[in-house]
């Protein structure tokens, strides 16, 4: 049996990046039918049940997933590399947000700023500790302060996901404290 961490990573893969890997259909706003997800995941070596999915959603430290009110659907809160509209509302950010990444990306970021890469948005954190954790996933971490308040004043839009990740389309180098 797969560990909960392996199961969570698999859910991230099919709900955020490659639903087609198991033939899963997502709605335009990112929802997947739980019974379809269970059936198709089981065919690919991931033995989910309604209860195990609910447990992953409830206990995930990053709160990446959400169940619908009737508990019949699931979706990822953010982090998609496929186009879905999770209904994010614009929100005024705090004056400063943080972004953690690996030191190997420093030169590229100095030249072009923060770009979403394969995702829909650049992910920003409310605190430095979270940004450090994110940066460590990619190698030797570096954390940038983002002048998010100034960005908003100049017309950049910000959104906040249900799991409190701040999102924006691009952070130009002028708004990054290196």
C-alpha atoms as a PDB file:
ATOM      1  CA  UNK A   1       0.000   0.000   0.000  1.00  0.00           C
ATOM      2  CA  UNK A   2       1.204   3.513  -0.828  1.00  0.00           C
ATOM      3  CA  UNK A   3       2.028   5.953   1.955  1.00  0.00           C
ATOM      4  CA  UNK A   4      -0.166   8.994   2.523  1.00  0.00           C
ATOM      5  CA  UNK A   5       2.650  11.189   1.194  1.00  0.00           C
ATOM      6  CA  UNK A   6       2.801   9.144  -2.037  1.00  0.00           C
ATOM      7  CA  UNK A   7      -0.972   9.299  -2.345  1.00  0.00           C
ATOM      8  CA  UNK A   8      -0.964  13.080  -1.823  1.00  0.00           C
ATOM      9  CA  UNK A   9       1.728  13.517  -4.492  1.00  0.00           C
ATOM     10  CA  UNK A  10      -0.330  11.398  -6.867  1.00  0.00           C
ATOM     11  CA  UNK A  11      -3.399  13.546  -6.190  1.00  0.00           C
ATOM     12  CA  UNK A  12      -1.297  16.649  -6.914  1.00  0.00           C
ATOM     13  CA  UNK A  13      -0.213  15.134 -10.204  1.00  0.00           C
ATOM     14  CA  UNK A  14      -3.708  14.269 -11.451  1.00  0.00           C
ATOM     15  CA  UNK A  15      -5.574  17.266  -9.976  1.00  0.00           C
ATOM     16  CA  UNK A  16      -2.990  19.969 -10.767  1.00  0.00           C
ATOM     17  CA  UNK A  17      -0.963  18.804 -13.749  1.00  0.00           C
ATOM     18  CA  UNK A  18      -1.927  15.635 -15.634  1.00  0.00           C
ATOM     19  CA  UNK A  19      -5.479  14.377 -15.171  1.00  0.00           C
ATOM     20  CA  UNK A  20      -5.092  12.668 -18.550  1.00  0.00           C
ATOM     21  CA  UNK A  21      -2.433  10.376 -17.035  1.00  0.00           C
ATOM     22  CA  UNK A  22      -5.285   8.289 -15.646  1.00  0.00           C
ATOM     23  CA  UNK A  23      -8.049   9.454 -18.009  1.00  0.00           C
ATOM     24  CA  UNK A  24      -9.586  11.728 -15.364  1.00  0.00           C
ATOM     25  CA  UNK A  25     -11.921  14.538 -16.392  1.00  0.00           C
ATOM     26  CA  UNK A  26     -11.780  17.866 -14.546  1.00  0.00           C
ATOM     27  CA  UNK A  27     -14.463  20.519 -14.805  1.00  0.00           C
ATOM     28  CA  UNK A  28     -13.472  24.006 -16.020  1.00  0.00           C
ATOM     29  CA  UNK A  29     -13.131  25.027 -12.377  1.00  0.00           C
ATOM     30  CA  UNK A  30     -10.904  22.076 -11.487  1.00  0.00           C
ATOM     31  CA  UNK A  31     -13.339  19.689  -9.792  1.00  0.00           C
ATOM     32  CA  UNK A  32     -13.054  15.915 -10.230  1.00  0.00           C
ATOM     33  CA  UNK A  33     -15.732  13.396  -9.344  1.00  0.00           C
ATOM     34  CA  UNK A  34     -14.407  11.395  -6.386  1.00  0.00           C
ATOM     35  CA  UNK A  35     -15.849   8.083  -7.590  1.00  0.00           C
ATOM     36  CA  UNK A  36     -14.228   8.550 -11.031  1.00  0.00           C
ATOM     37  CA  UNK A  37     -10.955   9.502  -9.327  1.00  0.00           C
ATOM     38  CA  UNK A  38     -11.067   6.393  -7.124  1.00  0.00           C
ATOM     39  CA  UNK A  39     -11.874   4.035 -10.008  1.00  0.00           C
ATOM     40  CA  UNK A  40      -9.224   5.422 -12.344  1.00  0.00           C
ATOM     41  CA  UNK A  41      -6.561   5.768  -9.624  1.00  0.00           C
ATOM     42  CA  UNK A  42      -7.098   2.184  -8.500  1.00  0.00           C
ATOM     43  CA  UNK A  43      -6.386   1.037 -12.094  1.00  0.00           C
ATOM     44  CA  UNK A  44      -3.031   2.839 -11.800  1.00  0.00           C
ATOM     45  CA  UNK A  45      -1.903   1.302  -8.511  1.00  0.00           C
ATOM     46  CA  UNK A  46      -3.338   3.864  -6.074  1.00  0.00           C
ATOM     47  CA  UNK A  47      -5.975   2.269  -3.861  1.00  0.00           C
ATOM     48  CA  UNK A  48      -8.056   5.223  -2.709  1.00  0.00           C
ATOM     49  CA  UNK A  49     -11.352   5.164  -0.880  1.00  0.00           C
ATOM     50  CA  UNK A  50     -13.700   8.028  -0.078  1.00  0.00           C
ATOM     51  CA  UNK A  51     -12.380   7.879   3.485  1.00  0.00           C
ATOM     52  CA  UNK A  52      -8.692   7.904   2.519  1.00  0.00           C
ATOM     53  CA  UNK A  53      -9.227  10.914   0.235  1.00  0.00           C
ATOM     54  CA  UNK A  54     -11.107  12.762   2.978  1.00  0.00           C
ATOM     55  CA  UNK A  55      -8.246  11.959   5.374  1.00  0.00           C
ATOM     56  CA  UNK A  56      -5.620  13.330   2.950  1.00  0.00           C
ATOM     57  CA  UNK A  57      -7.641  16.526   2.493  1.00  0.00           C
ATOM     58  CA  UNK A  58      -8.126  16.945   6.253  1.00  0.00           C
ATOM     59  CA  UNK A  59      -4.573  16.185   7.350  1.00  0.00           C
ATOM     60  CA  UNK A  60      -2.464  17.728   4.582  1.00  0.00           C
ATOM     61  CA  UNK A  61      -0.154  20.273   6.182  1.00  0.00           C
ATOM     62  CA  UNK A  62      -0.219  22.348   2.989  1.00  0.00           C
ATOM     63  CA  UNK A  63      -4.004  22.077   2.543  1.00  0.00           C
ATOM     64  CA  UNK A  64      -3.588  21.607  -1.214  1.00  0.00           C
ATOM     65  CA  UNK A  65      -7.012  20.045  -1.775  1.00  0.00           C
ATOM     66  CA  UNK A  66     -10.640  20.812  -1.102  1.00  0.00           C
ATOM     67  CA  UNK A  67     -13.762  18.658  -1.039  1.00  0.00           C
ATOM     68  CA  UNK A  68     -17.067  20.002  -2.321  1.00  0.00           C
ATOM     69  CA  UNK A  69     -19.755  20.585   0.297  1.00  0.00           C
ATOM     70  CA  UNK A  70     -21.525  17.347  -0.671  1.00  0.00           C
ATOM     71  CA  UNK A  71     -18.138  15.496  -0.490  1.00  0.00           C
ATOM     72  CA  UNK A  72     -18.632  14.098  -4.016  1.00  0.00           C
ATOM     73  CA  UNK A  73     -15.930  16.173  -5.719  1.00  0.00           C
ATOM     74  CA  UNK A  74     -12.347  17.191  -5.043  1.00  0.00           C
ATOM     75  CA  UNK A  75     -10.010  19.801  -6.496  1.00  0.00           C
ATOM     76  CA  UNK A  76      -6.601  21.332  -5.894  1.00  0.00           C
ATOM     77  CA  UNK A  77      -6.687  24.789  -4.305  1.00  0.00           C
ATOM     78  CA  UNK A  78      -3.846  26.184  -6.463  1.00  0.00           C
ATOM     79  CA  UNK A  79      -0.634  25.222  -8.210  1.00  0.00           C
ATOM     80  CA  UNK A  80      -2.148  24.098 -11.498  1.00  0.00           C
ATOM     81  CA  UNK A  81      -0.076  23.856 -14.647  1.00  0.00           C
ATOM     82  CA  UNK A  82      -3.265  23.185 -16.622  1.00  0.00           C
ATOM     83  CA  UNK A  83      -5.836  25.907 -17.141  1.00  0.00           C
ATOM     84  CA  UNK A  84      -8.604  25.836 -14.543  1.00  0.00           C
ATOM     85  CA  UNK A  85     -10.504  28.674 -12.927  1.00  0.00           C
ATOM     86  CA  UNK A  86     -10.779  28.030  -9.196  1.00  0.00           C
ATOM     87  CA  UNK A  87     -12.679  31.283  -8.707  1.00  0.00           C
ATOM     88  CA  UNK A  88      -9.999  33.340  -7.008  1.00  0.00           C
ATOM     89  CA  UNK A  89     -11.074  36.820  -5.975  1.00  0.00           C
ATOM     90  CA  UNK A  90      -8.689  39.762  -6.231  1.00  0.00           C
ATOM     91  CA  UNK A  91      -7.359  40.798  -2.853  1.00  0.00           C
ATOM     92  CA  UNK A  92      -5.084  43.528  -1.569  1.00  0.00           C
ATOM     93  CA  UNK A  93      -1.832  41.947  -0.409  1.00  0.00           C
ATOM     94  CA  UNK A  94       0.198  42.886   2.657  1.00  0.00           C
ATOM     95  CA  UNK A  95       3.035  45.339   2.010  1.00  0.00           C
ATOM     96  CA  UNK A  96       5.610  42.539   1.915  1.00  0.00           C
ATOM     97  CA  UNK A  97       5.308  38.915   0.807  1.00  0.00           C
ATOM     98  CA  UNK A  98       8.068  36.311   0.433  1.00  0.00           C
ATOM     99  CA  UNK A  99       9.190  33.913  -2.267  1.00  0.00           C
ATOM    100  CA  UNK A 100      11.458  30.942  -1.649  1.00  0.00           C
ATOM    101  CA  UNK A 101      13.419  29.238  -4.387  1.00  0.00           C
ATOM    102  CA  UNK A 102      16.818  27.671  -5.039  1.00  0.00           C
ATOM    103  CA  UNK A 103      19.977  29.732  -5.383  1.00  0.00           C
ATOM    104  CA  UNK A 104      20.552  28.275  -8.863  1.00  0.00           C
ATOM    105  CA  UNK A 105      17.649  30.404 -10.167  1.00  0.00           C
ATOM    106  CA  UNK A 106      19.060  33.689  -8.825  1.00  0.00           C
ATOM    107  CA  UNK A 107      20.534  35.035 -12.101  1.00  0.00           C
ATOM    108  CA  UNK A 108      17.401  34.268 -14.081  1.00  0.00           C
ATOM    109  CA  UNK A 109      15.238  35.972 -11.448  1.00  0.00           C
ATOM    110  CA  UNK A 110      17.503  39.038 -11.441  1.00  0.00           C
ATOM    111  CA  UNK A 111      16.995  39.296 -15.218  1.00  0.00           C
ATOM    112  CA  UNK A 112      13.309  38.507 -15.671  1.00  0.00           C
ATOM    113  CA  UNK A 113      11.818  38.579 -12.200  1.00  0.00           C
ATOM    114  CA  UNK A 114       9.561  35.816 -10.914  1.00  0.00           C
ATOM    115  CA  UNK A 115       7.537  34.100 -13.616  1.00  0.00           C
ATOM    116  CA  UNK A 116       5.030  31.282 -13.171  1.00  0.00           C
ATOM    117  CA  UNK A 117       6.955  28.838 -15.338  1.00  0.00           C
ATOM    118  CA  UNK A 118       4.660  25.908 -16.011  1.00  0.00           C
ATOM    119  CA  UNK A 119       2.067  27.110 -13.480  1.00  0.00           C
ATOM    120  CA  UNK A 120      -0.660  29.715 -13.796  1.00  0.00           C
ATOM    121  CA  UNK A 121       0.721  31.981 -11.056  1.00  0.00           C
ATOM    122  CA  UNK A 122       3.817  32.886  -9.086  1.00  0.00           C
ATOM    123  CA  UNK A 123       3.382  31.576  -5.524  1.00  0.00           C
ATOM    124  CA  UNK A 124       4.163  33.884  -2.613  1.00  0.00           C
ATOM    125  CA  UNK A 125       4.163  33.317   1.141  1.00  0.00           C
ATOM    126  CA  UNK A 126       2.986  35.490   4.007  1.00  0.00           C
ATOM    127  CA  UNK A 127       6.031  34.573   6.121  1.00  0.00           C
ATOM    128  CA  UNK A 128       9.728  33.899   5.635  1.00  0.00           C
ATOM    129  CA  UNK A 129       9.604  30.455   7.304  1.00  0.00           C
ATOM    130  CA  UNK A 130       7.176  29.088   4.719  1.00  0.00           C
ATOM    131  CA  UNK A 131       9.270  30.563   1.896  1.00  0.00           C
ATOM    132  CA  UNK A 132      12.376  28.842   3.286  1.00  0.00           C
ATOM    133  CA  UNK A 133      10.567  25.474   3.283  1.00  0.00           C
ATOM    134  CA  UNK A 134       9.507  26.018  -0.321  1.00  0.00           C
ATOM    135  CA  UNK A 135      13.030  27.009  -1.333  1.00  0.00           C
ATOM    136  CA  UNK A 136      14.521  23.898   0.291  1.00  0.00           C
ATOM    137  CA  UNK A 137      12.382  21.689  -1.961  1.00  0.00           C
ATOM    138  CA  UNK A 138      14.305  23.027  -4.960  1.00  0.00           C
ATOM    139  CA  UNK A 139      17.853  22.945  -3.566  1.00  0.00           C
ATOM    140  CA  UNK A 140      19.872  25.392  -1.502  1.00  0.00           C
ATOM    141  CA  UNK A 141      17.233  27.985  -0.533  1.00  0.00           C
ATOM    142  CA  UNK A 142      17.144  31.717  -1.029  1.00  0.00           C
ATOM    143  CA  UNK A 143      14.234  33.901   0.100  1.00  0.00           C
ATOM    144  CA  UNK A 144      13.223  37.168  -1.516  1.00  0.00           C
ATOM    145  CA  UNK A 145      11.113  39.939  -0.040  1.00  0.00           C
ATOM    146  CA  UNK A 146       8.484  41.005  -2.542  1.00  0.00           C
ATOM    147  CA  UNK A 147       7.226  44.601  -2.480  1.00  0.00           C
ATOM    148  CA  UNK A 148       3.663  43.428  -2.990  1.00  0.00           C
ATOM    149  CA  UNK A 149       2.016  46.587  -1.653  1.00  0.00           C
ATOM    150  CA  UNK A 150       3.954  48.681  -4.145  1.00  0.00           C
ATOM    151  CA  UNK A 151       3.099  46.229  -6.921  1.00  0.00           C
ATOM    152  CA  UNK A 152      -0.601  46.534  -6.181  1.00  0.00           C
ATOM    153  CA  UNK A 153      -0.343  50.340  -6.172  1.00  0.00           C
ATOM    154  CA  UNK A 154       1.088  50.064  -9.678  1.00  0.00           C
ATOM    155  CA  UNK A 155      -1.765  47.896 -10.946  1.00  0.00           C
ATOM    156  CA  UNK A 156      -0.610  44.312 -10.382  1.00  0.00           C
ATOM    157  CA  UNK A 157      -3.340  41.927  -9.296  1.00  0.00           C
ATOM    158  CA  UNK A 158      -3.072  39.547  -6.359  1.00  0.00           C
ATOM    159  CA  UNK A 159      -5.184  36.610  -5.301  1.00  0.00           C
ATOM    160  CA  UNK A 160      -5.089  34.384  -2.247  1.00  0.00           C
ATOM    161  CA  UNK A 161      -5.916  30.675  -2.457  1.00  0.00           C
ATOM    162  CA  UNK A 162      -8.001  28.795   0.074  1.00  0.00           C
ATOM    163  CA  UNK A 163      -4.818  27.506   1.684  1.00  0.00           C
ATOM    164  CA  UNK A 164      -3.387  31.039   2.047  1.00  0.00           C
ATOM    165  CA  UNK A 165      -0.896  30.996  -0.820  1.00  0.00           C
ATOM    166  CA  UNK A 166      -0.655  34.453  -2.420  1.00  0.00           C
ATOM    167  CA  UNK A 167      -0.699  34.407  -6.209  1.00  0.00           C
ATOM    168  CA  UNK A 168       0.190  36.867  -8.956  1.00  0.00           C
ATOM    169  CA  UNK A 169       1.039  36.528 -12.651  1.00  0.00           C
ATOM    170  CA  UNK A 170       4.558  38.038 -12.567  1.00  0.00           C
ATOM    171  CA  UNK A 171       6.913  39.840 -10.195  1.00  0.00           C
ATOM    172  CA  UNK A 172       9.300  42.148 -12.099  1.00  0.00           C
ATOM    173  CA  UNK A 173      12.852  42.464 -10.699  1.00  0.00           C
ATOM    174  CA  UNK A 174      12.180  46.059  -9.516  1.00  0.00           C
ATOM    175  CA  UNK A 175       9.779  44.700  -6.876  1.00  0.00           C
ATOM    176  CA  UNK A 176      12.195  42.107  -5.451  1.00  0.00           C
ATOM    177  CA  UNK A 177      14.627  42.779  -2.599  1.00  0.00           C
ATOM    178  CA  UNK A 178      17.630  40.633  -3.554  1.00  0.00           C
END
